[in-house]
N, C-alpha and C. Protein backbone atom coordinates (compact mmCIF):
# COMPACT_ATOMS: atom_id res chain seq x y z
N MET A 1 -32.61 -10.28 142.88
CA MET A 1 -31.25 -10.42 143.37
C MET A 1 -31.10 -9.83 144.77
N VAL A 2 -31.80 -8.73 145.02
CA VAL A 2 -31.75 -8.10 146.34
C VAL A 2 -32.32 -9.04 147.40
N GLU A 3 -33.35 -9.80 147.02
CA GLU A 3 -33.96 -10.73 147.96
C GLU A 3 -32.98 -11.81 148.41
N VAL A 4 -32.19 -12.30 147.48
CA VAL A 4 -31.20 -13.33 147.81
C VAL A 4 -30.15 -12.76 148.74
N ALA A 5 -29.70 -11.54 148.48
CA ALA A 5 -28.70 -10.90 149.33
C ALA A 5 -29.27 -10.65 150.73
N ALA A 6 -30.51 -10.21 150.81
CA ALA A 6 -31.13 -9.95 152.11
C ALA A 6 -31.32 -11.25 152.89
N LEU A 7 -31.71 -12.31 152.22
CA LEU A 7 -31.88 -13.60 152.88
C LEU A 7 -30.54 -14.13 153.39
N THR A 8 -29.50 -14.04 152.58
CA THR A 8 -28.17 -14.49 152.98
C THR A 8 -27.66 -13.68 154.16
N TYR A 9 -27.83 -12.37 154.11
CA TYR A 9 -27.40 -11.50 155.20
C TYR A 9 -28.15 -11.86 156.49
N GLY A 10 -29.44 -12.07 156.40
CA GLY A 10 -30.24 -12.42 157.57
C GLY A 10 -29.85 -13.75 158.17
N LEU A 11 -29.63 -14.76 157.33
CA LEU A 11 -29.23 -16.07 157.83
C LEU A 11 -27.85 -16.02 158.48
N LEU A 12 -26.93 -15.32 157.86
CA LEU A 12 -25.58 -15.20 158.42
C LEU A 12 -25.62 -14.44 159.75
N THR A 13 -26.41 -13.40 159.83
CA THR A 13 -26.54 -12.64 161.07
C THR A 13 -27.13 -13.50 162.17
N SER A 14 -28.17 -14.25 161.86
CA SER A 14 -28.78 -15.13 162.87
C SER A 14 -27.79 -16.17 163.36
N PHE A 15 -27.02 -16.75 162.45
CA PHE A 15 -26.03 -17.76 162.82
C PHE A 15 -24.96 -17.17 163.74
N VAL A 16 -24.43 -16.01 163.37
CA VAL A 16 -23.35 -15.41 164.16
C VAL A 16 -23.85 -15.01 165.54
N LEU A 17 -25.00 -14.37 165.61
CA LEU A 17 -25.51 -13.93 166.90
C LEU A 17 -25.89 -15.09 167.81
N SER A 18 -26.50 -16.12 167.25
CA SER A 18 -26.86 -17.27 168.10
C SER A 18 -25.61 -18.03 168.55
N SER A 19 -24.61 -18.15 167.68
CA SER A 19 -23.36 -18.82 168.07
C SER A 19 -22.64 -18.04 169.16
N ALA A 20 -22.56 -16.73 169.01
CA ALA A 20 -21.89 -15.90 170.01
C ALA A 20 -22.63 -15.95 171.34
N SER A 21 -23.94 -15.94 171.30
CA SER A 21 -24.73 -16.01 172.53
C SER A 21 -24.54 -17.36 173.23
N ARG A 22 -24.57 -18.43 172.45
CA ARG A 22 -24.38 -19.77 173.02
C ARG A 22 -22.98 -19.92 173.62
N ASN A 23 -21.97 -19.38 172.94
CA ASN A 23 -20.61 -19.47 173.45
C ASN A 23 -20.43 -18.63 174.72
N ARG A 24 -21.11 -17.49 174.79
CA ARG A 24 -21.01 -16.66 175.99
C ARG A 24 -21.65 -17.36 177.18
N LYS A 25 -22.81 -18.00 176.95
CA LYS A 25 -23.47 -18.73 178.03
C LYS A 25 -22.63 -19.92 178.50
N ALA A 26 -21.93 -20.56 177.58
CA ALA A 26 -21.08 -21.71 177.92
C ALA A 26 -19.71 -21.28 178.42
N ASP A 27 -19.45 -19.97 178.45
CA ASP A 27 -18.18 -19.40 178.92
C ASP A 27 -16.98 -19.97 178.15
N ARG A 28 -17.09 -19.93 176.82
CA ARG A 28 -15.98 -20.36 175.97
C ARG A 28 -15.79 -19.33 174.86
N PRO A 29 -14.59 -19.24 174.31
CA PRO A 29 -14.32 -18.24 173.27
C PRO A 29 -15.00 -18.61 171.95
N ASN A 30 -15.25 -17.59 171.16
CA ASN A 30 -15.83 -17.82 169.83
C ASN A 30 -14.77 -18.37 168.89
N PRO A 31 -15.16 -19.27 167.99
CA PRO A 31 -14.21 -19.73 166.96
C PRO A 31 -13.83 -18.58 166.03
N ARG A 32 -12.69 -18.71 165.41
CA ARG A 32 -12.18 -17.66 164.53
C ARG A 32 -13.15 -17.36 163.38
N MET A 33 -13.80 -18.38 162.84
CA MET A 33 -14.74 -18.17 161.72
C MET A 33 -15.94 -17.33 162.14
N VAL A 34 -16.43 -17.54 163.36
CA VAL A 34 -17.56 -16.75 163.85
C VAL A 34 -17.13 -15.29 164.01
N GLN A 35 -15.92 -15.07 164.51
CA GLN A 35 -15.43 -13.70 164.65
C GLN A 35 -15.27 -13.03 163.29
N LEU A 36 -14.73 -13.75 162.32
CA LEU A 36 -14.54 -13.17 160.99
C LEU A 36 -15.88 -12.85 160.32
N CYS A 37 -16.83 -13.75 160.46
CA CYS A 37 -18.17 -13.48 159.90
C CYS A 37 -18.82 -12.30 160.60
N GLY A 38 -18.61 -12.17 161.90
CA GLY A 38 -19.14 -11.03 162.63
C GLY A 38 -18.55 -9.72 162.14
N TRP A 39 -17.23 -9.70 161.94
CA TRP A 39 -16.60 -8.49 161.44
C TRP A 39 -17.03 -8.18 160.01
N LEU A 40 -17.25 -9.22 159.21
CA LEU A 40 -17.76 -9.02 157.86
C LEU A 40 -19.14 -8.35 157.90
N LEU A 41 -19.99 -8.82 158.80
CA LEU A 41 -21.32 -8.23 158.93
C LEU A 41 -21.26 -6.79 159.40
N VAL A 42 -20.32 -6.48 160.31
CA VAL A 42 -20.15 -5.10 160.76
C VAL A 42 -19.75 -4.22 159.57
N GLY A 43 -18.82 -4.69 158.76
CA GLY A 43 -18.37 -3.92 157.60
C GLY A 43 -19.47 -3.71 156.57
N VAL A 44 -20.22 -4.77 156.30
CA VAL A 44 -21.32 -4.67 155.33
C VAL A 44 -22.40 -3.71 155.83
N SER A 45 -22.71 -3.81 157.12
CA SER A 45 -23.74 -2.92 157.69
C SER A 45 -23.28 -1.47 157.66
N THR A 46 -22.03 -1.22 158.01
CA THR A 46 -21.50 0.14 158.00
C THR A 46 -21.45 0.70 156.58
N GLY A 47 -20.97 -0.10 155.66
CA GLY A 47 -20.91 0.34 154.27
C GLY A 47 -22.28 0.64 153.69
N SER A 48 -23.25 -0.20 154.01
CA SER A 48 -24.61 0.02 153.54
C SER A 48 -25.20 1.29 154.14
N ALA A 49 -24.96 1.51 155.42
CA ALA A 49 -25.49 2.70 156.07
C ALA A 49 -24.90 3.97 155.46
N ILE A 50 -23.60 3.96 155.20
CA ILE A 50 -22.95 5.13 154.60
C ILE A 50 -23.47 5.36 153.18
N ALA A 51 -23.57 4.29 152.40
CA ALA A 51 -24.04 4.42 151.02
C ALA A 51 -25.48 4.91 150.96
N LEU A 52 -26.34 4.34 151.79
CA LEU A 52 -27.74 4.75 151.78
C LEU A 52 -27.92 6.16 152.34
N GLY A 53 -27.10 6.51 153.34
CA GLY A 53 -27.15 7.88 153.85
C GLY A 53 -26.71 8.88 152.82
N GLY A 54 -25.66 8.57 152.07
CA GLY A 54 -25.22 9.45 150.99
C GLY A 54 -26.26 9.59 149.90
N TYR A 55 -26.90 8.50 149.58
CA TYR A 55 -27.96 8.54 148.56
C TYR A 55 -29.14 9.40 149.04
N ALA A 56 -29.49 9.27 150.32
CA ALA A 56 -30.60 10.08 150.86
C ALA A 56 -30.24 11.56 150.85
N LEU A 57 -28.99 11.89 151.19
CA LEU A 57 -28.57 13.28 151.15
C LEU A 57 -28.59 13.84 149.73
N MET A 58 -28.19 13.03 148.76
CA MET A 58 -28.23 13.48 147.36
C MET A 58 -29.65 13.73 146.91
N GLN A 59 -30.55 12.85 147.31
CA GLN A 59 -31.95 13.03 146.92
C GLN A 59 -32.56 14.25 147.60
N ALA A 60 -32.17 14.50 148.86
CA ALA A 60 -32.71 15.64 149.60
C ALA A 60 -32.19 16.97 149.05
N SER A 61 -30.95 16.96 148.55
CA SER A 61 -30.39 18.21 148.04
C SER A 61 -30.84 18.52 146.62
N GLY A 62 -31.46 17.56 145.97
CA GLY A 62 -31.97 17.79 144.61
C GLY A 62 -30.94 17.57 143.53
N ALA A 63 -29.85 16.94 143.84
CA ALA A 63 -28.79 16.74 142.85
C ALA A 63 -29.10 15.60 141.92
């Protein structure tokens, strides 16, 4: 199940970054869906970092 989530996250990230890069080169604004997907990825990445950091701290403290 983790593999499917990682693959989906990777594909979505590649799509958003390539779309944003292409739109920047063409000097046009990003569509609303690309912006929303980008913000979703920021939230997922931040949440994962906080959760994994908390788990690492728990393991390091011996709890």
